[in-house]
Amino acid sequence: MKYIVLALYVCLLAVALVAAVPVDETLQGDNIYAPSDDGVHNPYDPQAIFKLKKLKKLLLG
């Protein structure tokens, strides 16, 4: 019986520790609508197909 109580206590302690960790929202990403040059495909960019072809050529040889 005391092992069940101890296991329950350890689980509750783990949940409390995870919930107490502050969330750093700056690590989740920047503005997704901002223009960027990090390799994301933009369907409205007329030069995007050439960028994809260059990337394919670099990766496949």
C-alpha atoms as a PDB file:
ATOM      1  CA  MET A   1       0.000   0.000   0.000  1.00  0.00           C
ATOM      2  CA  LYS A   2       2.759   2.408   0.833  1.00  0.00           C
ATOM      3  CA  TYR A   3       4.373   1.759  -2.601  1.00  0.00           C
ATOM      4  CA  ILE A   4       1.164   2.776  -4.354  1.00  0.00           C
ATOM      5  CA  VAL A   5       1.028   6.002  -2.352  1.00  0.00           C
ATOM      6  CA  LEU A   6       4.707   6.626  -3.056  1.00  0.00           C
ATOM      7  CA  ALA A   7       4.218   6.039  -6.799  1.00  0.00           C
ATOM      8  CA  LEU A   8       1.224   8.375  -6.831  1.00  0.00           C
ATOM      9  CA  TYR A   9       3.230  11.002  -4.953  1.00  0.00           C
ATOM     10  CA  VAL A  10       6.123  10.731  -7.423  1.00  0.00           C
ATOM     11  CA  CYS A  11       3.749  11.063 -10.403  1.00  0.00           C
ATOM     12  CA  LEU A  12       2.058  14.099  -8.908  1.00  0.00           C
ATOM     13  CA  LEU A  13       5.431  15.638  -8.131  1.00  0.00           C
ATOM     14  CA  ALA A  14       6.557  15.100 -11.735  1.00  0.00           C
ATOM     15  CA  VAL A  15       3.375  16.722 -13.078  1.00  0.00           C
ATOM     16  CA  ALA A  16       3.790  19.665 -10.711  1.00  0.00           C
ATOM     17  CA  LEU A  17       7.420  20.175 -11.768  1.00  0.00           C
ATOM     18  CA  VAL A  18       6.543  20.101 -15.473  1.00  0.00           C
ATOM     19  CA  ALA A  19       3.667  22.523 -14.954  1.00  0.00           C
ATOM     20  CA  ALA A  20       5.882  24.888 -12.953  1.00  0.00           C
ATOM     21  CA  VAL A  21       8.478  25.323 -15.714  1.00  0.00           C
ATOM     22  CA  PRO A  22       8.012  28.756 -17.330  1.00  0.00           C
ATOM     23  CA  VAL A  23       7.253  28.756 -21.032  1.00  0.00           C
ATOM     24  CA  ASP A  24       9.648  30.796 -23.153  1.00  0.00           C
ATOM     25  CA  GLU A  25       7.452  31.782 -26.071  1.00  0.00           C
ATOM     26  CA  THR A  26      10.291  33.387 -28.000  1.00  0.00           C
ATOM     27  CA  LEU A  27      11.623  29.941 -28.878  1.00  0.00           C
ATOM     28  CA  GLN A  28       8.446  28.902 -30.700  1.00  0.00           C
ATOM     29  CA  GLY A  29       9.127  31.050 -33.729  1.00  0.00           C
ATOM     30  CA  ASP A  30       8.889  34.511 -35.138  1.00  0.00           C
ATOM     31  CA  ASN A  31       6.130  36.071 -37.162  1.00  0.00           C
ATOM     32  CA  ILE A  32       5.102  33.418 -39.692  1.00  0.00           C
ATOM     33  CA  TYR A  33       3.806  36.060 -42.080  1.00  0.00           C
ATOM     34  CA  ALA A  34       7.092  37.940 -42.279  1.00  0.00           C
ATOM     35  CA  PRO A  35       9.179  37.390 -45.423  1.00  0.00           C
ATOM     36  CA  SER A  36      12.166  35.176 -44.811  1.00  0.00           C
ATOM     37  CA  ASP A  37      15.019  33.574 -46.736  1.00  0.00           C
ATOM     38  CA  ASP A  38      15.264  30.384 -44.720  1.00  0.00           C
ATOM     39  CA  GLY A  39      14.342  28.053 -47.577  1.00  0.00           C
ATOM     40  CA  VAL A  40      10.581  28.075 -47.144  1.00  0.00           C
ATOM     41  CA  HIS A  41       8.758  27.713 -50.449  1.00  0.00           C
ATOM     42  CA  ASN A  42       6.704  30.788 -51.331  1.00  0.00           C
ATOM     43  CA  PRO A  43       4.139  30.022 -54.066  1.00  0.00           C
ATOM     44  CA  TYR A  44       3.913  33.700 -55.058  1.00  0.00           C
ATOM     45  CA  ASP A  45       7.649  34.031 -55.710  1.00  0.00           C
ATOM     46  CA  PRO A  46       8.383  33.774 -59.464  1.00  0.00           C
ATOM     47  CA  GLN A  47      12.003  32.775 -58.740  1.00  0.00           C
ATOM     48  CA  ALA A  48      11.006  29.995 -56.320  1.00  0.00           C
ATOM     49  CA  ILE A  49      11.144  27.252 -58.948  1.00  0.00           C
ATOM     50  CA  PHE A  50      14.754  28.125 -59.732  1.00  0.00           C
ATOM     51  CA  LYS A  51      15.625  28.060 -56.037  1.00  0.00           C
ATOM     52  CA  LEU A  52      14.050  24.610 -55.741  1.00  0.00           C
ATOM     53  CA  LYS A  53      15.959  23.376 -58.786  1.00  0.00           C
ATOM     54  CA  LYS A  54      19.245  24.651 -57.329  1.00  0.00           C
ATOM     55  CA  LEU A  55      18.468  22.963 -54.023  1.00  0.00           C
ATOM     56  CA  LYS A  56      17.626  19.703 -55.794  1.00  0.00           C
ATOM     57  CA  LYS A  57      20.850  19.897 -57.781  1.00  0.00           C
ATOM     58  CA  LEU A  58      22.892  20.524 -54.611  1.00  0.00           C
ATOM     59  CA  LEU A  59      21.293  17.662 -52.718  1.00  0.00           C
ATOM     60  CA  LEU A  60      21.234  15.060 -55.478  1.00  0.00           C
ATOM     61  CA  GLY A  61      24.504  15.957 -57.133  1.00  0.00           C
END
